[in-house]
N, C-alpha and C. Protein backbone atom coordinates (compact mmCIF):
# COMPACT_ATOMS: atom_id res chain seq x y z
N MET A 1 -30.66 130.55 61.57
CA MET A 1 -29.42 130.85 60.83
C MET A 1 -28.28 130.08 61.46
N ASP A 2 -27.49 129.41 60.65
CA ASP A 2 -26.36 128.64 61.15
C ASP A 2 -25.27 129.59 61.62
N GLU A 3 -24.60 129.21 62.73
CA GLU A 3 -23.47 130.00 63.23
C GLU A 3 -22.28 129.81 62.32
N PRO A 4 -21.50 130.85 62.08
CA PRO A 4 -20.33 130.71 61.22
C PRO A 4 -19.33 129.73 61.82
N VAL A 5 -18.76 128.93 60.97
CA VAL A 5 -17.75 127.96 61.41
C VAL A 5 -16.39 128.64 61.45
N GLN A 6 -15.72 128.51 62.61
CA GLN A 6 -14.43 129.16 62.76
C GLN A 6 -13.36 128.36 62.03
N ALA A 7 -12.54 129.04 61.28
CA ALA A 7 -11.47 128.39 60.55
C ALA A 7 -10.47 127.80 61.52
N PRO A 8 -9.88 126.63 61.22
CA PRO A 8 -8.91 126.00 62.12
C PRO A 8 -7.76 126.93 62.50
N ASP A 9 -7.24 127.68 61.53
CA ASP A 9 -6.12 128.57 61.82
C ASP A 9 -6.52 129.65 62.82
N GLN A 10 -7.77 130.16 62.67
CA GLN A 10 -8.25 131.19 63.59
C GLN A 10 -8.43 130.61 65.00
N GLU A 11 -8.92 129.37 65.06
CA GLU A 11 -9.12 128.72 66.36
C GLU A 11 -7.79 128.51 67.06
N ILE A 12 -6.78 128.09 66.34
CA ILE A 12 -5.46 127.90 66.92
C ILE A 12 -4.90 129.23 67.40
N SER A 13 -5.10 130.29 66.61
CA SER A 13 -4.62 131.62 66.98
C SER A 13 -5.31 132.10 68.26
N ASP A 14 -6.62 131.87 68.35
CA ASP A 14 -7.37 132.28 69.54
C ASP A 14 -6.88 131.53 70.77
N GLN A 15 -6.62 130.25 70.62
CA GLN A 15 -6.15 129.44 71.73
C GLN A 15 -4.78 129.92 72.21
N ARG A 16 -3.94 130.29 71.27
CA ARG A 16 -2.62 130.79 71.63
C ARG A 16 -2.72 132.11 72.38
N ARG A 17 -3.61 132.98 71.91
CA ARG A 17 -3.79 134.27 72.59
C ARG A 17 -4.31 134.06 74.01
N LEU A 18 -5.26 133.12 74.15
CA LEU A 18 -5.81 132.83 75.47
C LEU A 18 -4.74 132.26 76.39
N LYS A 19 -3.94 131.36 75.87
CA LYS A 19 -2.85 130.78 76.66
C LYS A 19 -1.85 131.85 77.05
N GLY A 20 -1.55 132.76 76.11
CA GLY A 20 -0.62 133.84 76.40
C GLY A 20 -1.16 134.78 77.46
N ALA A 21 -2.47 135.08 77.39
CA ALA A 21 -3.09 135.97 78.37
C ALA A 21 -3.06 135.35 79.76
N ARG A 22 -3.31 134.05 79.82
CA ARG A 22 -3.28 133.37 81.12
C ARG A 22 -1.87 133.35 81.69
N ALA A 23 -0.90 133.10 80.84
CA ALA A 23 0.49 133.08 81.30
C ALA A 23 0.91 134.47 81.77
N ARG A 24 0.50 135.49 81.04
CA ARG A 24 0.84 136.86 81.41
C ARG A 24 0.23 137.22 82.76
N ALA A 25 -1.02 136.83 82.97
CA ALA A 25 -1.70 137.13 84.23
C ALA A 25 -1.03 136.42 85.40
N SER A 26 -0.63 135.17 85.18
CA SER A 26 0.02 134.40 86.23
C SER A 26 1.37 135.00 86.60
N ILE A 27 2.14 135.40 85.60
CA ILE A 27 3.45 135.99 85.85
C ILE A 27 3.30 137.35 86.53
N ALA A 28 2.32 138.13 86.07
CA ALA A 28 2.10 139.46 86.66
C ALA A 28 1.71 139.35 88.13
N ARG A 29 0.89 138.36 88.46
CA ARG A 29 0.49 138.18 89.86
C ARG A 29 1.70 137.79 90.71
N HIS A 30 2.54 136.91 90.19
CA HIS A 30 3.74 136.54 90.93
C HIS A 30 4.66 137.74 91.09
N ALA A 31 4.74 138.55 90.05
CA ALA A 31 5.56 139.77 90.11
C ALA A 31 5.05 140.69 91.21
N ALA A 32 3.73 140.81 91.33
CA ALA A 32 3.14 141.65 92.38
C ALA A 32 3.49 141.12 93.76
N ASP A 33 3.43 139.79 93.93
CA ASP A 33 3.79 139.18 95.22
C ASP A 33 5.24 139.48 95.57
N VAL A 34 6.13 139.30 94.59
CA VAL A 34 7.55 139.56 94.82
C VAL A 34 7.77 141.03 95.16
N ALA A 35 7.14 141.92 94.41
CA ALA A 35 7.31 143.35 94.62
C ALA A 35 6.79 143.79 95.97
N SER A 36 5.78 143.13 96.50
CA SER A 36 5.24 143.51 97.81
C SER A 36 6.27 143.29 98.91
N VAL A 37 7.26 142.43 98.64
CA VAL A 37 8.32 142.14 99.61
C VAL A 37 9.61 142.87 99.25
N GLU A 38 10.00 142.79 97.98
CA GLU A 38 11.31 143.27 97.55
C GLU A 38 11.27 144.58 96.77
N GLY A 39 10.09 145.07 96.47
CA GLY A 39 9.98 146.30 95.71
C GLY A 39 9.92 146.06 94.22
N LEU A 40 9.40 147.03 93.50
CA LEU A 40 9.29 146.90 92.04
C LEU A 40 10.64 146.95 91.35
N THR A 41 11.59 147.66 91.94
CA THR A 41 12.92 147.72 91.31
C THR A 41 13.63 146.37 91.39
N GLY A 42 13.19 145.52 92.31
CA GLY A 42 13.82 144.21 92.44
C GLY A 42 13.33 143.19 91.43
N LEU A 43 12.33 143.55 90.63
CA LEU A 43 11.81 142.63 89.64
C LEU A 43 12.75 142.51 88.45
N SER A 44 12.80 141.32 87.90
CA SER A 44 13.55 141.12 86.66
C SER A 44 12.92 139.97 85.89
N LEU A 45 13.04 140.01 84.58
CA LEU A 45 12.48 138.96 83.73
C LEU A 45 13.10 137.61 84.09
N GLY A 46 14.42 137.62 84.31
CA GLY A 46 15.13 136.38 84.63
C GLY A 46 14.70 135.81 85.96
N ARG A 47 14.54 136.66 86.97
CA ARG A 47 14.14 136.21 88.30
C ARG A 47 12.78 135.53 88.25
N LEU A 48 11.83 136.14 87.57
CA LEU A 48 10.49 135.57 87.50
C LEU A 48 10.48 134.27 86.70
N ALA A 49 11.26 134.23 85.64
CA ALA A 49 11.35 133.01 84.85
C ALA A 49 11.88 131.86 85.70
N GLU A 50 12.89 132.15 86.50
CA GLU A 50 13.47 131.12 87.37
C GLU A 50 12.47 130.69 88.44
N ASP A 51 11.79 131.65 89.04
CA ASP A 51 10.80 131.33 90.07
C ASP A 51 9.70 130.42 89.55
N LEU A 52 9.24 130.70 88.33
CA LEU A 52 8.09 130.00 87.79
C LEU A 52 8.46 128.81 86.90
N GLY A 53 9.75 128.61 86.69
CA GLY A 53 10.19 127.48 85.88
C GLY A 53 9.85 127.61 84.41
N VAL A 54 9.93 128.84 83.90
CA VAL A 54 9.67 129.07 82.48
C VAL A 54 10.91 129.74 81.88
N SER A 55 10.91 129.87 80.57
CA SER A 55 12.08 130.45 79.92
C SER A 55 12.07 131.97 80.03
N LYS A 56 13.26 132.54 80.15
CA LYS A 56 13.37 133.99 80.20
C LYS A 56 12.88 134.61 78.90
N SER A 57 13.15 133.94 77.78
CA SER A 57 12.71 134.47 76.49
C SER A 57 11.19 134.51 76.41
N GLY A 58 10.53 133.51 77.04
CA GLY A 58 9.08 133.49 77.05
C GLY A 58 8.50 134.66 77.84
N VAL A 59 9.14 134.96 79.00
CA VAL A 59 8.70 136.09 79.80
C VAL A 59 8.95 137.39 79.04
N ALA A 60 10.10 137.47 78.38
CA ALA A 60 10.43 138.66 77.61
C ALA A 60 9.45 138.87 76.46
N THR A 61 9.00 137.78 75.85
CA THR A 61 8.03 137.89 74.76
C THR A 61 6.70 138.47 75.26
N LEU A 62 6.32 138.09 76.47
CA LEU A 62 5.05 138.54 77.03
C LEU A 62 5.09 139.99 77.51
N PHE A 63 6.26 140.42 78.04
CA PHE A 63 6.32 141.75 78.66
C PHE A 63 7.26 142.73 77.95
N GLY A 64 8.24 142.23 77.25
CA GLY A 64 9.13 143.11 76.49
C GLY A 64 10.27 143.69 77.31
N ASN A 65 9.96 144.37 78.40
CA ASN A 65 11.02 144.98 79.21
C ASN A 65 10.59 145.08 80.67
N LYS A 66 11.51 145.52 81.50
CA LYS A 66 11.27 145.56 82.94
C LYS A 66 10.15 146.53 83.30
N GLU A 67 10.08 147.67 82.64
CA GLU A 67 9.03 148.63 82.97
C GLU A 67 7.66 148.05 82.69
N ASN A 68 7.50 147.36 81.59
CA ASN A 68 6.21 146.73 81.29
C ASN A 68 5.86 145.69 82.35
N LEU A 69 6.88 144.98 82.83
CA LEU A 69 6.67 144.00 83.89
C LEU A 69 6.22 144.69 85.17
N GLN A 70 6.86 145.80 85.50
CA GLN A 70 6.49 146.56 86.69
C GLN A 70 5.05 147.08 86.58
N LEU A 71 4.69 147.58 85.42
CA LEU A 71 3.33 148.08 85.22
C LEU A 71 2.30 146.94 85.34
N ALA A 72 2.66 145.78 84.83
CA ALA A 72 1.77 144.62 84.94
C ALA A 72 1.62 144.20 86.40
N ALA A 73 2.69 144.32 87.17
CA ALA A 73 2.63 143.99 88.60
C ALA A 73 1.70 144.96 89.33
N VAL A 74 1.80 146.24 89.00
CA VAL A 74 0.92 147.25 89.61
C VAL A 74 -0.54 146.94 89.29
N ALA A 75 -0.81 146.61 88.03
CA ALA A 75 -2.18 146.29 87.62
C ALA A 75 -2.69 145.04 88.31
N ALA A 76 -1.82 144.03 88.45
CA ALA A 76 -2.23 142.78 89.12
C ALA A 76 -2.51 143.02 90.59
N ALA A 77 -1.66 143.82 91.24
CA ALA A 77 -1.86 144.13 92.65
C ALA A 77 -3.15 144.92 92.86
N ARG A 78 -3.45 145.80 91.93
CA ARG A 78 -4.69 146.57 91.99
C ARG A 78 -5.90 145.65 91.95
N GLU A 79 -5.88 144.65 91.06
CA GLU A 79 -6.98 143.71 90.96
C GLU A 79 -7.13 142.88 92.23
N VAL A 80 -6.00 142.50 92.82
CA VAL A 80 -6.05 141.75 94.08
C VAL A 80 -6.74 142.59 95.16
N PHE A 81 -6.37 143.86 95.23
CA PHE A 81 -6.96 144.75 96.23
C PHE A 81 -8.46 144.93 95.99
N ILE A 82 -8.83 145.11 94.74
CA ILE A 82 -10.25 145.26 94.40
C ILE A 82 -11.03 144.00 94.78
N ASP A 83 -10.45 142.83 94.47
CA ASP A 83 -11.12 141.57 94.75
C ASP A 83 -11.30 141.31 96.25
N HIS A 84 -10.31 141.72 97.05
CA HIS A 84 -10.33 141.39 98.47
C HIS A 84 -10.88 142.50 99.37
N VAL A 85 -10.91 143.73 98.85
CA VAL A 85 -11.34 144.85 99.69
C VAL A 85 -12.60 145.53 99.14
N ILE A 86 -12.53 145.99 97.91
CA ILE A 86 -13.60 146.82 97.38
C ILE A 86 -14.85 146.02 97.01
N ARG A 87 -14.69 144.95 96.24
CA ARG A 87 -15.87 144.20 95.81
C ARG A 87 -16.64 143.60 96.99
N PRO A 88 -15.99 142.97 97.96
CA PRO A 88 -16.75 142.41 99.09
C PRO A 88 -17.51 143.48 99.88
N ALA A 89 -16.95 144.69 99.95
CA ALA A 89 -17.59 145.76 100.73
C ALA A 89 -18.84 146.30 100.06
N ARG A 90 -19.00 146.03 98.77
CA ARG A 90 -20.16 146.55 98.05
C ARG A 90 -21.47 145.94 98.52
N SER A 91 -21.40 144.83 99.26
CA SER A 91 -22.63 144.22 99.76
C SER A 91 -23.22 145.02 100.92
N ALA A 92 -22.41 145.89 101.52
CA ALA A 92 -22.89 146.74 102.62
C ALA A 92 -23.63 147.95 102.06
N GLU A 93 -24.52 148.50 102.85
CA GLU A 93 -25.27 149.69 102.44
C GLU A 93 -24.31 150.86 102.21
N PRO A 94 -24.55 151.66 101.17
CA PRO A 94 -23.69 152.82 100.92
C PRO A 94 -23.65 153.75 102.13
N GLY A 95 -22.52 154.41 102.30
CA GLY A 95 -22.37 155.34 103.41
C GLY A 95 -21.53 154.77 104.52
N ILE A 96 -21.91 155.03 105.76
CA ILE A 96 -21.08 154.65 106.91
C ILE A 96 -20.91 153.14 107.00
N ALA A 97 -21.95 152.36 106.68
CA ALA A 97 -21.84 150.90 106.74
C ALA A 97 -20.82 150.38 105.73
N ARG A 98 -20.85 150.93 104.52
CA ARG A 98 -19.89 150.48 103.51
C ARG A 98 -18.48 150.97 103.84
N LEU A 99 -18.38 152.15 104.41
CA LEU A 99 -17.07 152.65 104.82
C LEU A 99 -16.45 151.73 105.87
N ARG A 100 -17.26 151.31 106.84
CA ARG A 100 -16.77 150.38 107.85
C ARG A 100 -16.38 149.05 107.21
N ALA A 101 -17.17 148.61 106.24
CA ALA A 101 -16.86 147.35 105.56
C ALA A 101 -15.55 147.44 104.80
N LEU A 102 -15.33 148.58 104.15
CA LEU A 102 -14.06 148.79 103.43
C LEU A 102 -12.88 148.71 104.39
N MET A 103 -13.02 149.34 105.56
CA MET A 103 -11.93 149.33 106.52
C MET A 103 -11.72 147.93 107.09
N ASP A 104 -12.81 147.21 107.36
CA ASP A 104 -12.70 145.84 107.86
C ASP A 104 -11.96 144.96 106.86
N ARG A 105 -12.34 145.08 105.60
CA ARG A 105 -11.69 144.27 104.55
C ARG A 105 -10.24 144.68 104.36
N TRP A 106 -9.96 145.95 104.53
CA TRP A 106 -8.58 146.43 104.41
C TRP A 106 -7.71 145.82 105.50
N PHE A 107 -8.24 145.77 106.71
CA PHE A 107 -7.49 145.14 107.79
C PHE A 107 -7.25 143.66 107.51
N GLU A 108 -8.26 142.98 106.98
CA GLU A 108 -8.09 141.57 106.64
C GLU A 108 -7.03 141.39 105.56
N TYR A 109 -7.05 142.26 104.57
CA TYR A 109 -6.09 142.22 103.46
C TYR A 109 -4.66 142.36 103.97
N VAL A 110 -4.45 143.25 104.94
CA VAL A 110 -3.11 143.47 105.48
C VAL A 110 -2.71 142.40 106.47
N SER A 111 -3.64 142.00 107.33
CA SER A 111 -3.28 141.09 108.41
C SER A 111 -3.14 139.64 107.97
N ALA A 112 -3.81 139.23 106.87
CA ALA A 112 -3.75 137.83 106.44
C ALA A 112 -2.32 137.31 106.27
N PRO A 113 -1.38 137.98 105.59
CA PRO A 113 -1.65 138.99 104.57
C PRO A 113 -2.00 138.32 103.25
N VAL A 114 -2.78 139.02 102.42
CA VAL A 114 -3.15 138.48 101.12
C VAL A 114 -1.92 138.40 100.22
N MET A 115 -1.06 139.43 100.29
CA MET A 115 0.19 139.43 99.55
C MET A 115 1.33 139.26 100.56
N PRO A 116 2.42 138.60 100.17
CA PRO A 116 3.48 138.28 101.13
C PRO A 116 4.02 139.47 101.90
N GLY A 117 4.07 140.63 101.24
CA GLY A 117 4.61 141.81 101.91
C GLY A 117 3.55 142.69 102.53
N GLY A 118 2.32 142.19 102.62
CA GLY A 118 1.25 143.01 103.17
C GLY A 118 0.63 143.89 102.11
N CYS A 119 0.48 145.17 102.40
CA CYS A 119 -0.15 146.10 101.47
C CYS A 119 0.82 146.49 100.35
N PHE A 120 0.50 146.12 99.13
CA PHE A 120 1.36 146.41 97.98
C PHE A 120 1.56 147.91 97.82
N ARG A 121 0.49 148.67 97.95
CA ARG A 121 0.57 150.12 97.77
C ARG A 121 1.51 150.74 98.79
N ALA A 122 1.38 150.32 100.05
CA ALA A 122 2.24 150.87 101.10
C ALA A 122 3.70 150.51 100.87
N ALA A 123 3.95 149.36 100.26
CA ALA A 123 5.31 148.92 100.02
C ALA A 123 5.96 149.61 98.82
N CYS A 124 5.16 149.86 97.78
CA CYS A 124 5.76 150.30 96.51
C CYS A 124 5.63 151.78 96.20
N VAL A 125 4.63 152.46 96.75
CA VAL A 125 4.50 153.89 96.46
C VAL A 125 5.73 154.68 96.93
N PRO A 126 6.25 154.46 98.16
CA PRO A 126 7.43 155.22 98.59
C PRO A 126 8.66 154.98 97.69
N GLU A 127 8.70 153.83 97.06
CA GLU A 127 9.82 153.48 96.19
C GLU A 127 9.84 154.33 94.92
N PHE A 128 8.66 154.78 94.47
CA PHE A 128 8.58 155.49 93.20
C PHE A 128 8.03 156.90 93.32
N ASP A 129 7.78 157.37 94.54
CA ASP A 129 7.12 158.67 94.67
C ASP A 129 7.94 159.82 94.11
N SER A 130 9.26 159.66 94.00
CA SER A 130 10.13 160.72 93.47
C SER A 130 10.77 160.34 92.14
N ARG A 131 10.22 159.32 91.48
CA ARG A 131 10.78 158.85 90.21
C ARG A 131 9.75 159.06 89.10
N PRO A 132 9.85 160.14 88.35
CA PRO A 132 8.89 160.38 87.27
C PRO A 132 8.91 159.24 86.25
N GLY A 133 7.74 158.95 85.72
CA GLY A 133 7.66 157.89 84.71
C GLY A 133 6.35 157.15 84.77
N ALA A 134 6.22 156.17 83.91
CA ALA A 134 4.96 155.43 83.77
C ALA A 134 4.60 154.65 85.02
N VAL A 135 5.59 154.08 85.70
CA VAL A 135 5.31 153.28 86.89
C VAL A 135 4.80 154.18 88.01
N ARG A 136 5.45 155.31 88.21
CA ARG A 136 4.99 156.27 89.23
C ARG A 136 3.57 156.75 88.91
N ASP A 137 3.31 157.01 87.64
CA ASP A 137 1.98 157.47 87.23
C ASP A 137 0.92 156.41 87.54
N ALA A 138 1.25 155.14 87.30
CA ALA A 138 0.29 154.06 87.56
C ALA A 138 0.02 153.93 89.05
N LEU A 139 1.06 154.02 89.86
CA LEU A 139 0.90 153.95 91.31
C LEU A 139 0.10 155.13 91.83
N ALA A 140 0.39 156.31 91.29
CA ALA A 140 -0.33 157.52 91.72
C ALA A 140 -1.81 157.44 91.35
N ALA A 141 -2.10 156.93 90.16
CA ALA A 141 -3.49 156.81 89.71
C ALA A 141 -4.25 155.82 90.58
N ASP A 142 -3.58 154.72 90.94
CA ASP A 142 -4.22 153.73 91.80
C ASP A 142 -4.52 154.32 93.17
N ARG A 143 -3.58 155.07 93.72
CA ARG A 143 -3.78 155.71 95.02
C ARG A 143 -4.91 156.73 94.96
N THR A 144 -4.94 157.51 93.90
CA THR A 144 -6.00 158.50 93.72
C THR A 144 -7.38 157.83 93.65
N ASP A 145 -7.45 156.74 92.92
CA ASP A 145 -8.72 156.01 92.79
C ASP A 145 -9.19 155.47 94.14
N TRP A 146 -8.26 154.97 94.94
CA TRP A 146 -8.62 154.43 96.25
C TRP A 146 -9.11 155.55 97.17
N PHE A 147 -8.45 156.68 97.15
CA PHE A 147 -8.90 157.83 97.94
C PHE A 147 -10.31 158.24 97.50
N ALA A 148 -10.56 158.17 96.20
CA ALA A 148 -11.87 158.55 95.68
C ALA A 148 -12.96 157.61 96.18
N VAL A 149 -12.64 156.32 96.28
CA VAL A 149 -13.60 155.35 96.80
C VAL A 149 -13.95 155.69 98.25
N LEU A 150 -12.93 155.94 99.07
CA LEU A 150 -13.17 156.28 100.47
C LEU A 150 -13.95 157.59 100.60
N ALA A 151 -13.52 158.61 99.87
CA ALA A 151 -14.17 159.91 99.96
C ALA A 151 -15.63 159.83 99.51
N LYS A 152 -15.92 159.02 98.52
CA LYS A 152 -17.29 158.86 98.03
C LYS A 152 -18.20 158.33 99.13
N GLU A 153 -17.71 157.32 99.87
CA GLU A 153 -18.53 156.75 100.94
C GLU A 153 -18.66 157.72 102.12
N ILE A 154 -17.64 158.52 102.36
CA ILE A 154 -17.74 159.53 103.41
C ILE A 154 -18.80 160.57 103.04
N ARG A 155 -18.82 160.99 101.78
CA ARG A 155 -19.84 161.95 101.33
C ARG A 155 -21.24 161.33 101.42
N ARG A 156 -21.35 160.05 101.09
CA ARG A 156 -22.65 159.38 101.21
C ARG A 156 -23.10 159.34 102.67
N ALA A 157 -22.15 159.09 103.57
CA ALA A 157 -22.47 159.08 105.00
C ALA A 157 -22.96 160.45 105.44
N GLN A 158 -22.34 161.49 104.89
CA GLN A 158 -22.77 162.86 105.23
C GLN A 158 -24.17 163.14 104.73
N GLU A 159 -24.50 162.61 103.56
CA GLU A 159 -25.85 162.78 103.02
C GLU A 159 -26.89 162.10 103.91
N GLN A 160 -26.44 161.08 104.65
CA GLN A 160 -27.33 160.34 105.55
C GLN A 160 -27.37 160.97 106.95
N GLY A 161 -26.62 162.06 107.13
CA GLY A 161 -26.61 162.75 108.42
C GLY A 161 -25.44 162.44 109.32
N ALA A 162 -24.55 161.56 108.88
CA ALA A 162 -23.36 161.22 109.66
C ALA A 162 -22.18 162.07 109.22
N MET A 163 -21.16 162.11 110.04
CA MET A 163 -19.90 162.79 109.71
C MET A 163 -20.06 164.25 109.29
N PRO A 164 -20.87 165.03 109.96
CA PRO A 164 -21.01 166.44 109.57
C PRO A 164 -19.72 167.20 109.79
N GLY A 165 -19.41 168.08 108.84
CA GLY A 165 -18.23 168.93 108.98
C GLY A 165 -16.92 168.26 108.66
N VAL A 166 -16.94 166.99 108.29
CA VAL A 166 -15.70 166.26 107.96
C VAL A 166 -15.32 166.51 106.51
N ASP A 167 -14.04 166.77 106.27
CA ASP A 167 -13.52 166.89 104.91
C ASP A 167 -13.27 165.47 104.40
N PRO A 168 -14.02 164.99 103.40
CA PRO A 168 -13.87 163.61 102.93
C PRO A 168 -12.45 163.24 102.51
N GLN A 169 -11.78 164.15 101.81
CA GLN A 169 -10.43 163.85 101.36
C GLN A 169 -9.47 163.78 102.53
N ALA A 170 -9.65 164.65 103.52
CA ALA A 170 -8.78 164.64 104.69
C ALA A 170 -8.99 163.36 105.51
N MET A 171 -10.24 162.94 105.63
CA MET A 171 -10.52 161.70 106.36
C MET A 171 -9.93 160.50 105.64
N ALA A 172 -10.05 160.46 104.31
CA ALA A 172 -9.46 159.38 103.53
C ALA A 172 -7.95 159.35 103.73
N PHE A 173 -7.34 160.53 103.77
CA PHE A 173 -5.89 160.63 103.99
C PHE A 173 -5.52 160.05 105.35
N GLN A 174 -6.31 160.33 106.37
CA GLN A 174 -6.02 159.82 107.70
C GLN A 174 -6.11 158.29 107.73
N PHE A 175 -7.15 157.74 107.12
CA PHE A 175 -7.28 156.29 107.07
C PHE A 175 -6.05 155.66 106.39
N ASP A 176 -5.67 156.23 105.26
CA ASP A 176 -4.55 155.69 104.50
C ASP A 176 -3.25 155.78 105.30
N ALA A 177 -3.04 156.89 105.97
CA ALA A 177 -1.82 157.08 106.75
C ALA A 177 -1.73 156.07 107.88
N VAL A 178 -2.84 155.85 108.57
CA VAL A 178 -2.86 154.88 109.67
C VAL A 178 -2.56 153.48 109.16
N MET A 179 -3.19 153.08 108.05
CA MET A 179 -2.99 151.74 107.52
C MET A 179 -1.59 151.54 106.97
N ALA A 180 -1.03 152.57 106.35
CA ALA A 180 0.34 152.47 105.84
C ALA A 180 1.33 152.27 106.99
N ALA A 181 1.13 153.04 108.07
CA ALA A 181 2.00 152.91 109.24
C ALA A 181 1.84 151.54 109.88
N ALA A 182 0.59 151.06 109.96
CA ALA A 182 0.33 149.76 110.56
C ALA A 182 0.96 148.64 109.73
N ASN A 183 0.87 148.76 108.41
CA ASN A 183 1.46 147.75 107.54
C ASN A 183 2.97 147.67 107.74
N THR A 184 3.62 148.83 107.80
CA THR A 184 5.07 148.86 107.99
C THR A 184 5.45 148.25 109.34
N ALA A 185 4.76 148.66 110.39
CA ALA A 185 5.08 148.15 111.73
C ALA A 185 4.83 146.65 111.83
N ALA A 186 3.74 146.18 111.21
CA ALA A 186 3.43 144.75 111.23
C ALA A 186 4.50 143.94 110.52
N ARG A 187 4.98 144.46 109.40
CA ARG A 187 6.02 143.76 108.67
C ARG A 187 7.35 143.73 109.46
N LEU A 188 7.53 144.71 110.34
CA LEU A 188 8.72 144.76 111.19
C LEU A 188 8.57 143.90 112.44
N GLY A 189 7.42 143.25 112.57
CA GLY A 189 7.21 142.33 113.68
C GLY A 189 6.54 142.90 114.90
N ASP A 190 5.98 144.08 114.80
CA ASP A 190 5.30 144.70 115.94
C ASP A 190 3.91 144.08 116.09
N PRO A 191 3.66 143.28 117.14
CA PRO A 191 2.37 142.62 117.30
C PRO A 191 1.24 143.59 117.67
N THR A 192 1.60 144.80 118.09
CA THR A 192 0.57 145.77 118.47
C THR A 192 0.12 146.65 117.30
N ALA A 193 0.81 146.54 116.17
CA ALA A 193 0.56 147.46 115.06
C ALA A 193 -0.88 147.44 114.57
N LEU A 194 -1.39 146.28 114.21
CA LEU A 194 -2.73 146.21 113.66
C LEU A 194 -3.82 146.47 114.71
N PRO A 195 -3.70 145.92 115.93
CA PRO A 195 -4.70 146.28 116.94
C PRO A 195 -4.73 147.77 117.24
N THR A 196 -3.55 148.39 117.27
CA THR A 196 -3.50 149.84 117.52
C THR A 196 -4.16 150.60 116.39
N ALA A 197 -3.86 150.20 115.15
CA ALA A 197 -4.46 150.85 113.98
C ALA A 197 -5.97 150.65 113.98
N ARG A 198 -6.43 149.46 114.37
CA ARG A 198 -7.86 149.19 114.44
C ARG A 198 -8.54 150.14 115.42
N THR A 199 -7.91 150.36 116.57
CA THR A 199 -8.46 151.26 117.57
C THR A 199 -8.55 152.69 117.04
N ILE A 200 -7.49 153.12 116.36
CA ILE A 200 -7.46 154.48 115.81
C ILE A 200 -8.55 154.66 114.76
N VAL A 201 -8.68 153.69 113.86
CA VAL A 201 -9.69 153.77 112.80
C VAL A 201 -11.10 153.76 113.40
N ASP A 202 -11.32 152.89 114.38
CA ASP A 202 -12.64 152.84 115.02
C ASP A 202 -12.95 154.18 115.71
N THR A 203 -11.93 154.78 116.31
CA THR A 203 -12.12 156.07 116.95
C THR A 203 -12.45 157.15 115.93
N LEU A 204 -11.74 157.13 114.80
CA LEU A 204 -12.02 158.11 113.74
C LEU A 204 -13.44 157.95 113.20
N LEU A 205 -13.83 156.73 112.98
CA LEU A 205 -15.18 156.48 112.47
C LEU A 205 -16.25 156.85 113.50
N GLY A 206 -15.99 156.49 114.73
CA GLY A 206 -16.97 156.77 115.78
C GLY A 206 -17.12 158.23 116.07
N SER A 207 -15.99 158.94 116.24
CA SER A 207 -16.04 160.37 116.58
C SER A 207 -16.60 161.18 115.42
N ALA A 208 -16.26 160.77 114.19
CA ALA A 208 -16.76 161.49 113.02
C ALA A 208 -18.26 161.31 112.87
N ALA A 209 -18.72 160.09 113.14
CA ALA A 209 -20.13 159.80 112.97
C ALA A 209 -20.97 160.53 114.04
N GLU A 210 -20.35 160.80 115.20
CA GLU A 210 -21.08 161.42 116.29
C GLU A 210 -21.09 162.94 116.25
N GLN A 211 -20.25 163.53 115.39
CA GLN A 211 -20.15 164.99 115.34
C GLN A 211 -21.45 165.63 114.90
């Protein structure tokens, strides 16, 4: 059976949509980079247009308003985190090995840093934690999902006989608190921040696994 021939108008429309999607993704990623340093409230359609050498009207066409731009930045930052932390760790065996891999990748993500301001979540969650709305909801959902990933591997470790008596959610909270503090201190120029955090995390993992 012959494949249907796509009409020229449809092909042009598809190409435009693809071009628009690529442009939107590129702008959203830049927005995430900027927000990791200056915060989500510092984003503006005009600022990003100037940074990227495109028209403000073009950016406005893609995002509509500042809140949509902020939401796109949150989504882009989430994908960066997944690509650099979660997906690479999946090659490790579930449980304690994968938990260690997640923490190792998290340290790499912050120390590189992958984003100019370090950990996007640590930079932007405090900015919106008391501001009801769609952006706060997106940040909260992303944080909840990350805690769920950590807690899942802690429970798997417990099924394997490690970490007995540990509350998975409480342990995930401790890891997140240490990394958030380390990210802040590192951005302030403290050279001991990440090594200190590494020691604390290794101690938490080691003592929990030995209980």
